[in-house]
């Protein structure tokens, strides 16, 4: 089976209102779909679970006001983190996109990372012909970038959610001993190998660790 890592960029007509709200707000740091029914049965509400890092009160107010959600339940997991179960009322673009990536041999691998630049990043596994067909049938108003193509090796979806720079930062941190117990290397050591400032290296590591932890079932 092949795996494809994709980035979908929405325009003002196709972006989901909650994605747009979170992207345009300063109250959120991370927004990921971690589970979904992915049935592709057009016309029915879709059920999804999101992990969010940000202000739960601001998020819940917007969620209650949107006309695209029939039901939800928000559970706080920390001061600035929460999960939300959502029954989403799909529009035509949502139905077509969901059907595109669930047809035939295709399996969409969570998490789906909803980003502040109006993009969504995720991986799909399936037969090459089905993957090619899906890319050709993405609705208008959504720009598609193929980030990576390869053989599916059963790797953890959490790794697939990392950016290339975050994976490099974790790899170097492991090699120099940053994760040893006791720790035998510092952020400065990681930064030297990455050829960046210590603050930048620390940010890469923090975001990478957050992505991996959010993807685990604990």
N, C-alpha and C. Protein backbone atom coordinates (compact mmCIF):
# COMPACT_ATOMS: atom_id res chain seq x y z
N UNK A 1 0.83 -1.19 0.00
CA UNK A 1 0.00 0.00 0.00
C UNK A 1 0.87 1.26 0.00
N UNK A 2 0.38 2.28 -0.67
CA UNK A 2 1.06 3.57 -0.69
C UNK A 2 0.47 4.47 0.39
N UNK A 3 1.29 5.41 0.86
CA UNK A 3 0.80 6.43 1.77
C UNK A 3 1.16 7.79 1.21
N UNK A 4 0.24 8.72 1.32
CA UNK A 4 0.45 10.07 0.83
C UNK A 4 0.19 11.05 1.96
N UNK A 5 1.11 11.98 2.14
CA UNK A 5 0.96 13.05 3.12
C UNK A 5 0.49 14.29 2.38
N UNK A 6 -0.66 14.84 2.77
CA UNK A 6 -1.29 15.93 2.04
C UNK A 6 -1.47 17.17 2.90
N UNK A 7 -1.47 18.30 2.23
CA UNK A 7 -1.93 19.55 2.83
C UNK A 7 -3.01 20.12 1.93
N UNK A 8 -4.19 20.36 2.51
CA UNK A 8 -5.30 20.96 1.79
C UNK A 8 -5.45 22.40 2.27
N UNK A 9 -5.45 23.35 1.33
CA UNK A 9 -5.61 24.76 1.66
C UNK A 9 -7.00 25.22 1.21
N UNK A 10 -7.82 25.65 2.17
CA UNK A 10 -9.19 26.07 1.89
C UNK A 10 -9.24 27.56 1.54
N UNK A 11 -10.25 27.92 0.75
CA UNK A 11 -10.50 29.34 0.53
C UNK A 11 -11.67 29.78 1.41
N UNK A 12 -12.08 31.04 1.26
CA UNK A 12 -13.11 31.59 2.14
C UNK A 12 -14.46 30.92 1.96
N UNK A 13 -14.69 30.29 0.81
CA UNK A 13 -15.97 29.65 0.55
C UNK A 13 -16.02 28.21 1.05
N UNK A 14 -14.87 27.55 1.15
CA UNK A 14 -14.86 26.13 1.49
C UNK A 14 -14.44 25.83 2.93
N UNK A 15 -13.78 26.75 3.60
CA UNK A 15 -13.30 26.47 4.96
C UNK A 15 -14.47 26.32 5.92
N UNK A 16 -14.37 25.35 6.84
CA UNK A 16 -15.40 25.17 7.85
C UNK A 16 -15.38 26.37 8.80
N UNK A 17 -16.54 26.86 9.24
CA UNK A 17 -16.56 28.06 10.09
C UNK A 17 -15.79 27.90 11.40
N UNK A 18 -15.75 26.71 11.98
CA UNK A 18 -14.99 26.54 13.22
C UNK A 18 -13.49 26.53 12.95
N UNK A 19 -13.08 25.95 11.83
CA UNK A 19 -11.67 26.02 11.45
C UNK A 19 -11.26 27.47 11.26
N UNK A 20 -12.09 28.22 10.55
CA UNK A 20 -11.78 29.64 10.31
C UNK A 20 -11.73 30.40 11.63
N UNK A 21 -12.67 30.13 12.52
CA UNK A 21 -12.70 30.84 13.81
C UNK A 21 -11.42 30.58 14.60
N UNK A 22 -11.03 29.31 14.71
CA UNK A 22 -9.83 28.97 15.48
C UNK A 22 -8.59 29.56 14.81
N UNK A 23 -8.54 29.47 13.47
CA UNK A 23 -7.37 29.97 12.74
C UNK A 23 -7.20 31.48 12.91
N UNK A 24 -8.31 32.20 12.95
CA UNK A 24 -8.25 33.67 13.00
C UNK A 24 -8.20 34.21 14.43
N UNK A 25 -8.25 33.33 15.42
CA UNK A 25 -8.24 33.75 16.82
C UNK A 25 -6.86 33.57 17.42
N UNK A 26 -6.52 34.44 18.36
CA UNK A 26 -5.27 34.31 19.10
C UNK A 26 -5.41 33.42 20.33
N UNK A 27 -6.58 32.82 20.53
CA UNK A 27 -6.85 32.08 21.76
C UNK A 27 -6.47 30.60 21.67
N UNK A 28 -5.91 30.15 20.52
CA UNK A 28 -5.67 28.72 20.33
C UNK A 28 -4.26 28.45 19.81
N UNK A 29 -3.69 27.32 20.28
CA UNK A 29 -2.35 26.92 19.87
C UNK A 29 -2.35 25.66 19.01
N UNK A 30 -3.35 24.80 19.16
CA UNK A 30 -3.38 23.55 18.40
C UNK A 30 -4.82 23.10 18.24
N UNK A 31 -5.11 22.49 17.08
CA UNK A 31 -6.48 22.08 16.76
C UNK A 31 -6.38 20.85 15.88
N UNK A 32 -6.71 19.66 16.43
CA UNK A 32 -6.53 18.42 15.70
C UNK A 32 -7.74 17.51 15.83
N UNK A 33 -8.15 16.92 14.72
CA UNK A 33 -9.16 15.88 14.75
C UNK A 33 -8.44 14.55 15.01
N UNK A 34 -8.85 13.84 16.06
CA UNK A 34 -8.16 12.61 16.42
C UNK A 34 -8.99 11.36 16.17
N UNK A 35 -10.31 11.51 16.04
CA UNK A 35 -11.17 10.37 15.73
C UNK A 35 -12.35 10.88 14.91
N UNK A 36 -12.92 9.99 14.09
CA UNK A 36 -14.10 10.35 13.33
C UNK A 36 -14.76 9.11 12.77
N UNK A 37 -16.04 9.24 12.41
CA UNK A 37 -16.71 8.06 11.87
C UNK A 37 -16.32 7.79 10.43
N UNK A 38 -15.99 8.85 9.65
CA UNK A 38 -15.48 8.69 8.28
C UNK A 38 -16.34 7.73 7.47
N UNK A 39 -17.64 7.83 7.59
CA UNK A 39 -18.51 6.90 6.87
C UNK A 39 -18.72 7.30 5.43
N UNK A 40 -18.66 8.59 5.15
CA UNK A 40 -18.92 9.05 3.80
C UNK A 40 -20.37 8.88 3.38
N UNK A 41 -21.29 8.68 4.33
CA UNK A 41 -22.72 8.54 4.01
C UNK A 41 -23.33 9.93 3.89
N UNK A 42 -23.35 10.48 2.70
CA UNK A 42 -23.79 11.84 2.47
C UNK A 42 -25.15 12.12 3.08
N UNK A 43 -25.27 13.32 3.67
CA UNK A 43 -26.54 13.75 4.24
C UNK A 43 -26.67 13.53 5.72
N UNK A 44 -25.91 12.60 6.30
CA UNK A 44 -25.98 12.34 7.73
C UNK A 44 -24.98 13.22 8.47
N UNK A 45 -25.32 13.54 9.74
CA UNK A 45 -24.36 14.23 10.58
C UNK A 45 -23.13 13.35 10.76
N UNK A 46 -21.96 13.99 10.80
CA UNK A 46 -20.72 13.27 11.03
C UNK A 46 -20.27 13.49 12.48
N UNK A 47 -19.74 12.46 13.09
CA UNK A 47 -19.27 12.55 14.47
C UNK A 47 -17.75 12.58 14.50
N UNK A 48 -17.19 13.58 15.18
CA UNK A 48 -15.74 13.75 15.26
C UNK A 48 -15.34 14.07 16.69
N UNK A 49 -14.09 13.75 17.02
CA UNK A 49 -13.50 14.16 18.29
C UNK A 49 -12.25 14.97 17.99
N UNK A 50 -12.19 16.16 18.59
CA UNK A 50 -11.04 17.05 18.43
C UNK A 50 -10.30 17.19 19.75
N UNK A 51 -8.97 17.31 19.65
CA UNK A 51 -8.15 17.76 20.76
C UNK A 51 -7.76 19.20 20.47
N UNK A 52 -7.96 20.08 21.43
CA UNK A 52 -7.70 21.50 21.21
C UNK A 52 -6.85 22.03 22.37
N UNK A 53 -5.86 22.84 22.02
CA UNK A 53 -5.09 23.58 23.02
C UNK A 53 -5.46 25.04 22.85
N UNK A 54 -6.07 25.61 23.88
CA UNK A 54 -6.52 27.00 23.79
C UNK A 54 -7.58 27.28 24.84
N UNK A 55 -8.34 28.33 24.62
CA UNK A 55 -9.34 28.78 25.58
C UNK A 55 -10.65 28.02 25.36
N UNK A 56 -11.05 27.13 26.27
CA UNK A 56 -12.27 26.34 26.06
C UNK A 56 -13.54 27.18 26.09
N UNK A 57 -13.56 28.25 26.87
CA UNK A 57 -14.76 29.09 26.94
C UNK A 57 -14.99 29.80 25.62
N UNK A 58 -13.95 30.35 25.03
CA UNK A 58 -14.05 31.02 23.74
C UNK A 58 -14.50 30.04 22.67
N UNK A 59 -13.91 28.84 22.71
CA UNK A 59 -14.25 27.82 21.70
C UNK A 59 -15.71 27.40 21.83
N UNK A 60 -16.15 27.13 23.06
CA UNK A 60 -17.52 26.64 23.25
C UNK A 60 -18.55 27.69 22.86
N UNK A 61 -18.26 28.96 23.11
CA UNK A 61 -19.18 30.02 22.70
C UNK A 61 -19.35 30.03 21.19
N UNK A 62 -18.25 29.94 20.46
CA UNK A 62 -18.31 29.93 18.99
C UNK A 62 -19.00 28.67 18.49
N UNK A 63 -18.73 27.53 19.12
CA UNK A 63 -19.32 26.27 18.70
C UNK A 63 -20.84 26.30 18.87
N UNK A 64 -21.30 26.87 19.96
CA UNK A 64 -22.74 26.94 20.22
C UNK A 64 -23.46 27.86 19.24
N UNK A 65 -22.72 28.84 18.71
CA UNK A 65 -23.34 29.82 17.82
C UNK A 65 -23.31 29.41 16.35
N UNK A 66 -22.44 28.47 15.99
CA UNK A 66 -22.34 28.08 14.59
C UNK A 66 -23.56 27.26 14.19
N UNK A 67 -23.98 27.40 12.95
CA UNK A 67 -25.12 26.62 12.46
C UNK A 67 -24.72 25.29 11.89
N UNK A 68 -23.46 24.91 12.03
CA UNK A 68 -22.96 23.68 11.42
C UNK A 68 -22.81 22.53 12.41
N UNK A 69 -23.23 22.72 13.65
CA UNK A 69 -23.07 21.68 14.67
C UNK A 69 -24.43 21.37 15.28
N UNK A 70 -24.84 20.10 15.24
CA UNK A 70 -26.14 19.71 15.80
C UNK A 70 -26.04 19.34 17.27
N UNK A 71 -24.85 18.93 17.72
CA UNK A 71 -24.67 18.52 19.12
C UNK A 71 -23.19 18.51 19.41
N UNK A 72 -22.82 18.71 20.68
CA UNK A 72 -21.41 18.63 21.06
C UNK A 72 -21.31 18.39 22.56
N UNK A 73 -20.15 17.91 22.96
CA UNK A 73 -19.83 17.76 24.39
C UNK A 73 -18.36 18.07 24.57
N UNK A 74 -18.07 19.06 25.39
CA UNK A 74 -16.69 19.51 25.61
C UNK A 74 -16.20 19.02 26.96
N UNK A 75 -15.00 18.45 26.99
CA UNK A 75 -14.40 17.93 28.22
C UNK A 75 -13.03 18.58 28.42
N UNK A 76 -12.88 19.29 29.52
CA UNK A 76 -11.60 19.94 29.80
C UNK A 76 -10.60 18.92 30.33
N UNK A 77 -9.38 18.98 29.79
CA UNK A 77 -8.32 18.05 30.22
C UNK A 77 -7.17 18.78 30.88
N UNK A 78 -7.22 20.10 30.92
CA UNK A 78 -6.19 20.92 31.55
C UNK A 78 -6.64 22.37 31.53
N UNK A 79 -5.77 23.27 32.01
CA UNK A 79 -6.12 24.69 32.04
C UNK A 79 -6.38 25.23 30.64
N UNK A 80 -5.61 24.75 29.66
CA UNK A 80 -5.74 25.24 28.29
C UNK A 80 -5.80 24.09 27.28
N UNK A 81 -6.37 23.00 27.68
CA UNK A 81 -6.54 21.88 26.75
C UNK A 81 -7.88 21.21 27.00
N UNK A 82 -8.47 20.69 25.93
CA UNK A 82 -9.77 20.04 26.06
C UNK A 82 -10.02 19.17 24.84
N UNK A 83 -10.96 18.25 25.00
CA UNK A 83 -11.45 17.47 23.87
C UNK A 83 -12.90 17.86 23.64
N UNK A 84 -13.35 17.72 22.40
CA UNK A 84 -14.74 18.03 22.08
C UNK A 84 -15.27 17.00 21.11
N UNK A 85 -16.39 16.39 21.50
CA UNK A 85 -17.12 15.48 20.63
C UNK A 85 -18.16 16.33 19.88
N UNK A 86 -18.16 16.23 18.56
CA UNK A 86 -19.00 17.10 17.74
C UNK A 86 -19.82 16.27 16.77
N UNK A 87 -21.11 16.58 16.68
CA UNK A 87 -21.95 16.09 15.59
C UNK A 87 -22.05 17.23 14.59
N UNK A 88 -21.36 17.08 13.48
CA UNK A 88 -21.22 18.15 12.51
C UNK A 88 -22.21 17.96 11.37
N UNK A 89 -22.88 19.04 10.98
CA UNK A 89 -23.82 19.01 9.86
C UNK A 89 -23.04 19.35 8.59
N UNK A 90 -22.79 18.38 7.71
CA UNK A 90 -21.91 18.63 6.56
C UNK A 90 -22.59 19.46 5.49
N UNK A 91 -21.79 20.28 4.79
CA UNK A 91 -22.29 20.92 3.59
C UNK A 91 -21.83 20.10 2.38
N UNK A 92 -22.10 20.58 1.20
CA UNK A 92 -21.79 19.80 -0.01
C UNK A 92 -20.30 19.53 -0.13
N UNK A 93 -19.46 20.53 0.16
CA UNK A 93 -18.01 20.33 0.06
C UNK A 93 -17.54 19.28 1.04
N UNK A 94 -18.04 19.33 2.29
CA UNK A 94 -17.66 18.34 3.29
C UNK A 94 -18.03 16.92 2.85
N UNK A 95 -19.26 16.77 2.36
CA UNK A 95 -19.71 15.45 1.91
C UNK A 95 -18.82 14.91 0.80
N UNK A 96 -18.53 15.76 -0.17
CA UNK A 96 -17.73 15.32 -1.31
C UNK A 96 -16.31 14.99 -0.89
N UNK A 97 -15.74 15.81 -0.01
CA UNK A 97 -14.37 15.57 0.43
C UNK A 97 -14.27 14.30 1.27
N UNK A 98 -15.22 14.10 2.18
CA UNK A 98 -15.21 12.90 3.01
C UNK A 98 -15.39 11.66 2.16
N UNK A 99 -16.30 11.72 1.19
CA UNK A 99 -16.51 10.56 0.31
C UNK A 99 -15.27 10.29 -0.52
N UNK A 100 -14.58 11.33 -0.94
CA UNK A 100 -13.38 11.17 -1.76
C UNK A 100 -12.30 10.38 -1.04
N UNK A 101 -12.13 10.64 0.27
CA UNK A 101 -11.03 10.02 1.01
C UNK A 101 -11.46 8.80 1.82
N UNK A 102 -12.66 8.27 1.58
CA UNK A 102 -13.09 7.04 2.24
C UNK A 102 -13.53 5.99 1.24
N UNK A 103 -13.46 6.30 -0.04
CA UNK A 103 -13.94 5.37 -1.06
C UNK A 103 -12.88 4.31 -1.38
N UNK A 104 -13.35 3.13 -1.72
CA UNK A 104 -12.45 2.07 -2.18
C UNK A 104 -11.49 1.62 -1.10
N UNK A 105 -10.21 1.60 -1.43
CA UNK A 105 -9.20 1.07 -0.52
C UNK A 105 -8.67 2.11 0.46
N UNK A 106 -9.13 3.35 0.39
CA UNK A 106 -8.49 4.44 1.12
C UNK A 106 -8.82 4.43 2.61
N UNK A 107 -7.79 4.71 3.41
CA UNK A 107 -7.92 4.87 4.86
C UNK A 107 -7.23 6.18 5.23
N UNK A 108 -7.98 7.09 5.85
CA UNK A 108 -7.41 8.35 6.33
C UNK A 108 -6.86 8.14 7.73
N UNK A 109 -5.62 8.56 7.94
CA UNK A 109 -4.95 8.34 9.22
C UNK A 109 -5.02 9.59 10.09
N UNK A 110 -5.71 9.52 11.22
CA UNK A 110 -5.67 10.65 12.15
C UNK A 110 -4.31 10.70 12.85
N UNK A 111 -3.95 11.87 13.41
CA UNK A 111 -4.76 13.08 13.52
C UNK A 111 -4.74 13.91 12.24
N UNK A 112 -5.81 14.71 12.05
CA UNK A 112 -5.85 15.72 11.01
C UNK A 112 -5.55 17.05 11.68
N UNK A 113 -4.52 17.71 11.23
CA UNK A 113 -4.06 18.94 11.87
C UNK A 113 -4.65 20.15 11.16
N UNK A 114 -5.50 20.89 11.87
CA UNK A 114 -6.12 22.09 11.33
C UNK A 114 -5.25 23.28 11.74
N UNK A 115 -4.73 24.01 10.74
CA UNK A 115 -3.70 25.00 11.01
C UNK A 115 -4.22 26.42 10.79
N UNK A 116 -3.44 27.39 11.30
CA UNK A 116 -3.88 28.78 11.29
C UNK A 116 -3.82 29.42 9.91
N UNK A 117 -3.17 28.76 8.94
CA UNK A 117 -3.12 29.30 7.57
C UNK A 117 -4.23 28.73 6.69
N UNK A 118 -5.28 28.21 7.34
CA UNK A 118 -6.45 27.66 6.65
C UNK A 118 -6.11 26.35 5.92
N UNK A 119 -5.13 25.63 6.39
CA UNK A 119 -4.79 24.35 5.80
C UNK A 119 -5.09 23.22 6.77
N UNK A 120 -5.23 22.01 6.21
CA UNK A 120 -5.38 20.78 6.99
C UNK A 120 -4.32 19.80 6.49
N UNK A 121 -3.58 19.18 7.41
CA UNK A 121 -2.53 18.22 7.04
C UNK A 121 -2.91 16.85 7.58
N UNK A 122 -2.76 15.82 6.74
CA UNK A 122 -3.09 14.46 7.15
C UNK A 122 -2.48 13.49 6.15
N UNK A 123 -2.55 12.20 6.48
CA UNK A 123 -2.04 11.14 5.61
C UNK A 123 -3.17 10.20 5.20
N UNK A 124 -3.04 9.63 4.00
CA UNK A 124 -4.00 8.67 3.47
C UNK A 124 -3.23 7.46 2.96
N UNK A 125 -3.77 6.29 3.23
CA UNK A 125 -3.18 5.02 2.77
C UNK A 125 -4.15 4.35 1.82
N UNK A 126 -3.61 3.72 0.77
CA UNK A 126 -4.47 2.98 -0.15
C UNK A 126 -3.75 2.58 -1.42
N UNK A 127 -4.51 1.98 -2.34
CA UNK A 127 -3.96 1.61 -3.64
C UNK A 127 -3.61 2.87 -4.41
N UNK A 128 -2.53 2.84 -5.20
CA UNK A 128 -2.13 4.02 -5.97
C UNK A 128 -3.24 4.58 -6.85
N UNK A 129 -4.03 3.71 -7.49
CA UNK A 129 -5.09 4.19 -8.37
C UNK A 129 -6.15 4.95 -7.58
N UNK A 130 -6.51 4.45 -6.39
CA UNK A 130 -7.50 5.13 -5.57
C UNK A 130 -6.96 6.47 -5.05
N UNK A 131 -5.68 6.49 -4.69
CA UNK A 131 -5.08 7.73 -4.23
C UNK A 131 -5.06 8.78 -5.34
N UNK A 132 -4.71 8.36 -6.54
CA UNK A 132 -4.69 9.29 -7.67
C UNK A 132 -6.09 9.81 -7.98
N UNK A 133 -7.07 8.92 -7.93
CA UNK A 133 -8.45 9.33 -8.17
C UNK A 133 -8.91 10.34 -7.14
N UNK A 134 -8.54 10.12 -5.86
CA UNK A 134 -8.94 11.05 -4.81
C UNK A 134 -8.35 12.44 -5.04
N UNK A 135 -7.09 12.49 -5.44
CA UNK A 135 -6.45 13.77 -5.69
C UNK A 135 -7.13 14.52 -6.83
N UNK A 136 -7.60 13.78 -7.81
CA UNK A 136 -8.25 14.40 -8.97
C UNK A 136 -9.66 14.88 -8.65
N UNK A 137 -10.28 14.35 -7.59
CA UNK A 137 -11.67 14.67 -7.29
C UNK A 137 -11.85 15.62 -6.12
N UNK A 138 -10.77 16.21 -5.63
CA UNK A 138 -10.89 17.19 -4.55
C UNK A 138 -11.68 18.39 -5.06
N UNK A 139 -12.69 18.83 -4.30
CA UNK A 139 -13.58 19.91 -4.77
C UNK A 139 -12.83 21.20 -5.09
N UNK A 140 -13.42 21.99 -5.99
CA UNK A 140 -12.88 23.31 -6.29
C UNK A 140 -12.90 24.18 -5.05
N UNK A 141 -11.94 25.08 -4.96
CA UNK A 141 -11.83 25.94 -3.79
C UNK A 141 -10.89 25.38 -2.74
N UNK A 142 -10.35 24.19 -2.99
CA UNK A 142 -9.38 23.58 -2.08
C UNK A 142 -8.11 23.28 -2.87
N UNK A 143 -7.03 23.92 -2.50
CA UNK A 143 -5.73 23.73 -3.15
C UNK A 143 -4.99 22.58 -2.47
N UNK A 144 -4.44 21.66 -3.26
CA UNK A 144 -3.82 20.45 -2.72
C UNK A 144 -2.32 20.46 -2.93
N UNK A 145 -1.58 20.13 -1.86
CA UNK A 145 -0.13 19.95 -1.95
C UNK A 145 0.21 18.55 -1.45
N UNK A 146 0.95 17.79 -2.25
CA UNK A 146 1.42 16.47 -1.84
C UNK A 146 2.79 16.64 -1.21
N UNK A 147 2.86 16.40 0.10
CA UNK A 147 4.10 16.61 0.84
C UNK A 147 5.03 15.40 0.77
N UNK A 148 4.45 14.22 0.71
CA UNK A 148 5.29 13.02 0.73
C UNK A 148 4.51 11.85 0.17
N UNK A 149 5.19 10.98 -0.59
CA UNK A 149 4.61 9.74 -1.11
C UNK A 149 5.57 8.62 -0.78
N UNK A 150 5.05 7.49 -0.29
CA UNK A 150 5.92 6.36 0.02
C UNK A 150 5.13 5.10 0.27
N UNK A 151 5.83 4.06 0.65
CA UNK A 151 5.19 2.80 1.01
C UNK A 151 4.74 2.88 2.46
N UNK A 152 3.53 2.42 2.72
CA UNK A 152 3.03 2.43 4.09
C UNK A 152 3.72 1.33 4.89
N UNK A 153 4.35 1.71 6.00
CA UNK A 153 5.11 0.75 6.80
C UNK A 153 4.48 0.51 8.17
N UNK A 154 3.25 1.01 8.36
CA UNK A 154 2.59 0.81 9.65
C UNK A 154 3.08 1.73 10.73
N UNK A 155 3.83 2.79 10.36
CA UNK A 155 4.35 3.72 11.34
C UNK A 155 3.25 4.44 12.09
N UNK A 156 3.58 4.90 13.29
CA UNK A 156 2.61 5.58 14.14
C UNK A 156 2.13 6.86 13.46
N UNK A 157 0.84 7.10 13.52
CA UNK A 157 0.28 8.31 12.92
C UNK A 157 0.82 9.57 13.57
N UNK A 158 1.26 9.46 14.82
CA UNK A 158 1.81 10.64 15.49
C UNK A 158 3.04 11.15 14.77
N UNK A 159 3.87 10.24 14.26
CA UNK A 159 5.06 10.65 13.53
C UNK A 159 4.67 11.36 12.25
N UNK A 160 3.64 10.87 11.60
CA UNK A 160 3.18 11.50 10.37
C UNK A 160 2.64 12.90 10.59
N UNK A 161 2.23 13.21 11.81
CA UNK A 161 1.69 14.54 12.11
C UNK A 161 2.77 15.58 12.34
N UNK A 162 4.03 15.13 12.47
CA UNK A 162 5.13 16.05 12.71
C UNK A 162 5.61 16.67 11.40
N UNK A 163 6.08 17.91 11.49
CA UNK A 163 6.72 18.52 10.34
C UNK A 163 8.11 17.90 10.18
N UNK A 164 8.72 18.11 9.01
CA UNK A 164 10.06 17.57 8.78
C UNK A 164 11.06 18.14 9.79
N UNK A 165 10.93 19.43 10.10
CA UNK A 165 11.85 20.07 11.05
C UNK A 165 11.65 19.52 12.46
N UNK A 166 10.40 19.25 12.83
CA UNK A 166 10.14 18.69 14.15
C UNK A 166 10.70 17.28 14.27
N UNK A 167 10.55 16.47 13.21
CA UNK A 167 11.13 15.12 13.24
C UNK A 167 12.65 15.19 13.35
N UNK A 168 13.25 16.14 12.62
CA UNK A 168 14.70 16.30 12.69
C UNK A 168 15.13 16.70 14.09
N UNK A 169 14.37 17.62 14.71
CA UNK A 169 14.71 18.05 16.06
C UNK A 169 14.64 16.90 17.06
N UNK A 170 13.59 16.06 16.96
CA UNK A 170 13.47 14.91 17.85
C UNK A 170 14.58 13.90 17.61
N UNK A 171 14.89 13.67 16.34
CA UNK A 171 15.95 12.69 16.02
C UNK A 171 17.29 13.14 16.59
N UNK A 172 17.62 14.42 16.39
CA UNK A 172 18.89 14.94 16.90
C UNK A 172 18.90 14.93 18.42
N UNK A 173 17.77 15.33 19.03
CA UNK A 173 17.69 15.34 20.49
C UNK A 173 17.94 13.94 21.06
N UNK A 174 17.39 12.93 20.41
CA UNK A 174 17.61 11.56 20.86
C UNK A 174 19.07 11.15 20.68
N UNK A 175 19.67 11.53 19.56
CA UNK A 175 21.04 11.13 19.26
C UNK A 175 22.05 11.77 20.22
N UNK A 176 21.83 13.05 20.59
CA UNK A 176 22.81 13.74 21.44
C UNK A 176 22.59 13.46 22.93
N UNK A 177 21.46 12.82 23.28
CA UNK A 177 21.23 12.47 24.67
C UNK A 177 20.28 13.37 25.42
N UNK A 178 19.50 14.18 24.69
CA UNK A 178 18.56 15.10 25.34
C UNK A 178 17.47 14.33 26.11
N UNK A 179 17.10 13.14 25.61
CA UNK A 179 16.05 12.35 26.25
C UNK A 179 16.61 11.27 27.18
N UNK A 180 17.94 11.24 27.36
CA UNK A 180 18.52 10.25 28.26
C UNK A 180 18.09 10.53 29.70
N UNK A 181 18.12 9.49 30.52
CA UNK A 181 17.84 9.63 31.95
C UNK A 181 19.04 9.10 32.71
N UNK A 182 19.82 9.97 33.39
CA UNK A 182 19.67 11.43 33.42
C UNK A 182 20.04 12.06 32.08
N UNK A 183 19.54 13.25 31.83
CA UNK A 183 19.77 13.96 30.56
C UNK A 183 21.25 14.28 30.41
N UNK A 184 21.79 13.96 29.23
CA UNK A 184 23.22 14.19 28.98
C UNK A 184 23.47 15.25 27.92
N UNK A 185 22.44 15.94 27.48
CA UNK A 185 22.58 17.02 26.51
C UNK A 185 21.52 18.08 26.79
N UNK A 186 21.79 19.30 26.38
CA UNK A 186 20.89 20.42 26.65
C UNK A 186 20.23 20.89 25.35
N UNK A 187 19.30 21.83 25.51
CA UNK A 187 18.69 22.45 24.33
C UNK A 187 19.75 23.14 23.49
N UNK A 188 20.76 23.72 24.13
CA UNK A 188 21.85 24.36 23.39
C UNK A 188 22.55 23.36 22.49
N UNK A 189 22.74 22.12 22.98
CA UNK A 189 23.39 21.09 22.18
C UNK A 189 22.53 20.73 20.96
N UNK A 190 21.22 20.61 21.18
CA UNK A 190 20.31 20.32 20.07
C UNK A 190 20.34 21.46 19.06
N UNK A 191 20.32 22.70 19.56
CA UNK A 191 20.34 23.87 18.67
C UNK A 191 21.60 23.91 17.83
N UNK A 192 22.73 23.54 18.42
CA UNK A 192 23.99 23.54 17.67
C UNK A 192 23.94 22.56 16.51
N UNK A 193 23.34 21.40 16.72
CA UNK A 193 23.23 20.40 15.65
C UNK A 193 22.21 20.83 14.60
N UNK A 194 21.16 21.51 15.04
CA UNK A 194 20.14 21.99 14.12
C UNK A 194 20.56 23.27 13.40
N UNK A 195 21.63 23.91 13.88
CA UNK A 195 22.11 25.18 13.34
C UNK A 195 21.04 26.25 13.45
N UNK A 196 20.50 26.39 14.67
CA UNK A 196 19.49 27.41 14.92
C UNK A 196 19.67 27.93 16.34
N UNK A 197 18.90 28.94 16.69
CA UNK A 197 18.97 29.50 18.03
C UNK A 197 18.38 28.53 19.06
N UNK A 198 18.87 28.56 20.30
CA UNK A 198 18.31 27.68 21.33
C UNK A 198 16.81 27.84 21.51
N UNK A 199 16.32 29.09 21.43
CA UNK A 199 14.88 29.29 21.57
C UNK A 199 14.10 28.63 20.45
N UNK A 200 14.64 28.64 19.24
CA UNK A 200 13.99 27.98 18.11
C UNK A 200 13.99 26.47 18.29
N UNK A 201 15.12 25.92 18.74
CA UNK A 201 15.21 24.48 18.99
C UNK A 201 14.22 24.06 20.07
N UNK A 202 14.13 24.86 21.13
CA UNK A 202 13.18 24.55 22.21
C UNK A 202 11.75 24.56 21.69
N UNK A 203 11.43 25.50 20.80
CA UNK A 203 10.07 25.58 20.24
C UNK A 203 9.78 24.36 19.37
N UNK A 204 10.74 23.93 18.55
CA UNK A 204 10.55 22.73 17.74
C UNK A 204 10.28 21.52 18.62
N UNK A 205 11.06 21.38 19.68
CA UNK A 205 10.90 20.23 20.57
C UNK A 205 9.56 20.29 21.30
N UNK A 206 9.18 21.48 21.77
CA UNK A 206 7.92 21.61 22.50
C UNK A 206 6.73 21.24 21.61
N UNK A 207 6.72 21.75 20.38
CA UNK A 207 5.61 21.46 19.48
C UNK A 207 5.60 19.99 19.08
N UNK A 208 6.79 19.42 18.85
CA UNK A 208 6.85 18.01 18.48
C UNK A 208 6.35 17.12 19.61
N UNK A 209 6.78 17.41 20.82
CA UNK A 209 6.35 16.63 21.98
C UNK A 209 4.84 16.76 22.18
N UNK A 210 4.30 17.97 22.00
CA UNK A 210 2.86 18.18 22.15
C UNK A 210 2.09 17.39 21.11
N UNK A 211 2.57 17.38 19.87
CA UNK A 211 1.89 16.64 18.80
C UNK A 211 1.86 15.15 19.10
N UNK A 212 3.00 14.61 19.51
CA UNK A 212 3.08 13.18 19.81
C UNK A 212 2.19 12.82 20.99
N UNK A 213 2.23 13.62 22.06
CA UNK A 213 1.43 13.32 23.24
C UNK A 213 -0.06 13.41 22.94
N UNK A 214 -0.47 14.39 22.12
CA UNK A 214 -1.88 14.53 21.79
C UNK A 214 -2.40 13.36 20.97
N UNK A 215 -1.48 12.63 20.33
CA UNK A 215 -1.89 11.52 19.46
C UNK A 215 -1.96 10.19 20.21
N UNK A 216 -1.52 10.17 21.45
CA UNK A 216 -1.50 8.92 22.22
C UNK A 216 -2.84 8.68 22.91
N UNK A 217 -3.20 7.42 23.02
CA UNK A 217 -4.37 7.02 23.81
C UNK A 217 -3.89 6.69 25.22
N UNK A 218 -4.19 7.55 26.20
CA UNK A 218 -3.70 7.36 27.57
C UNK A 218 -4.87 7.12 28.52
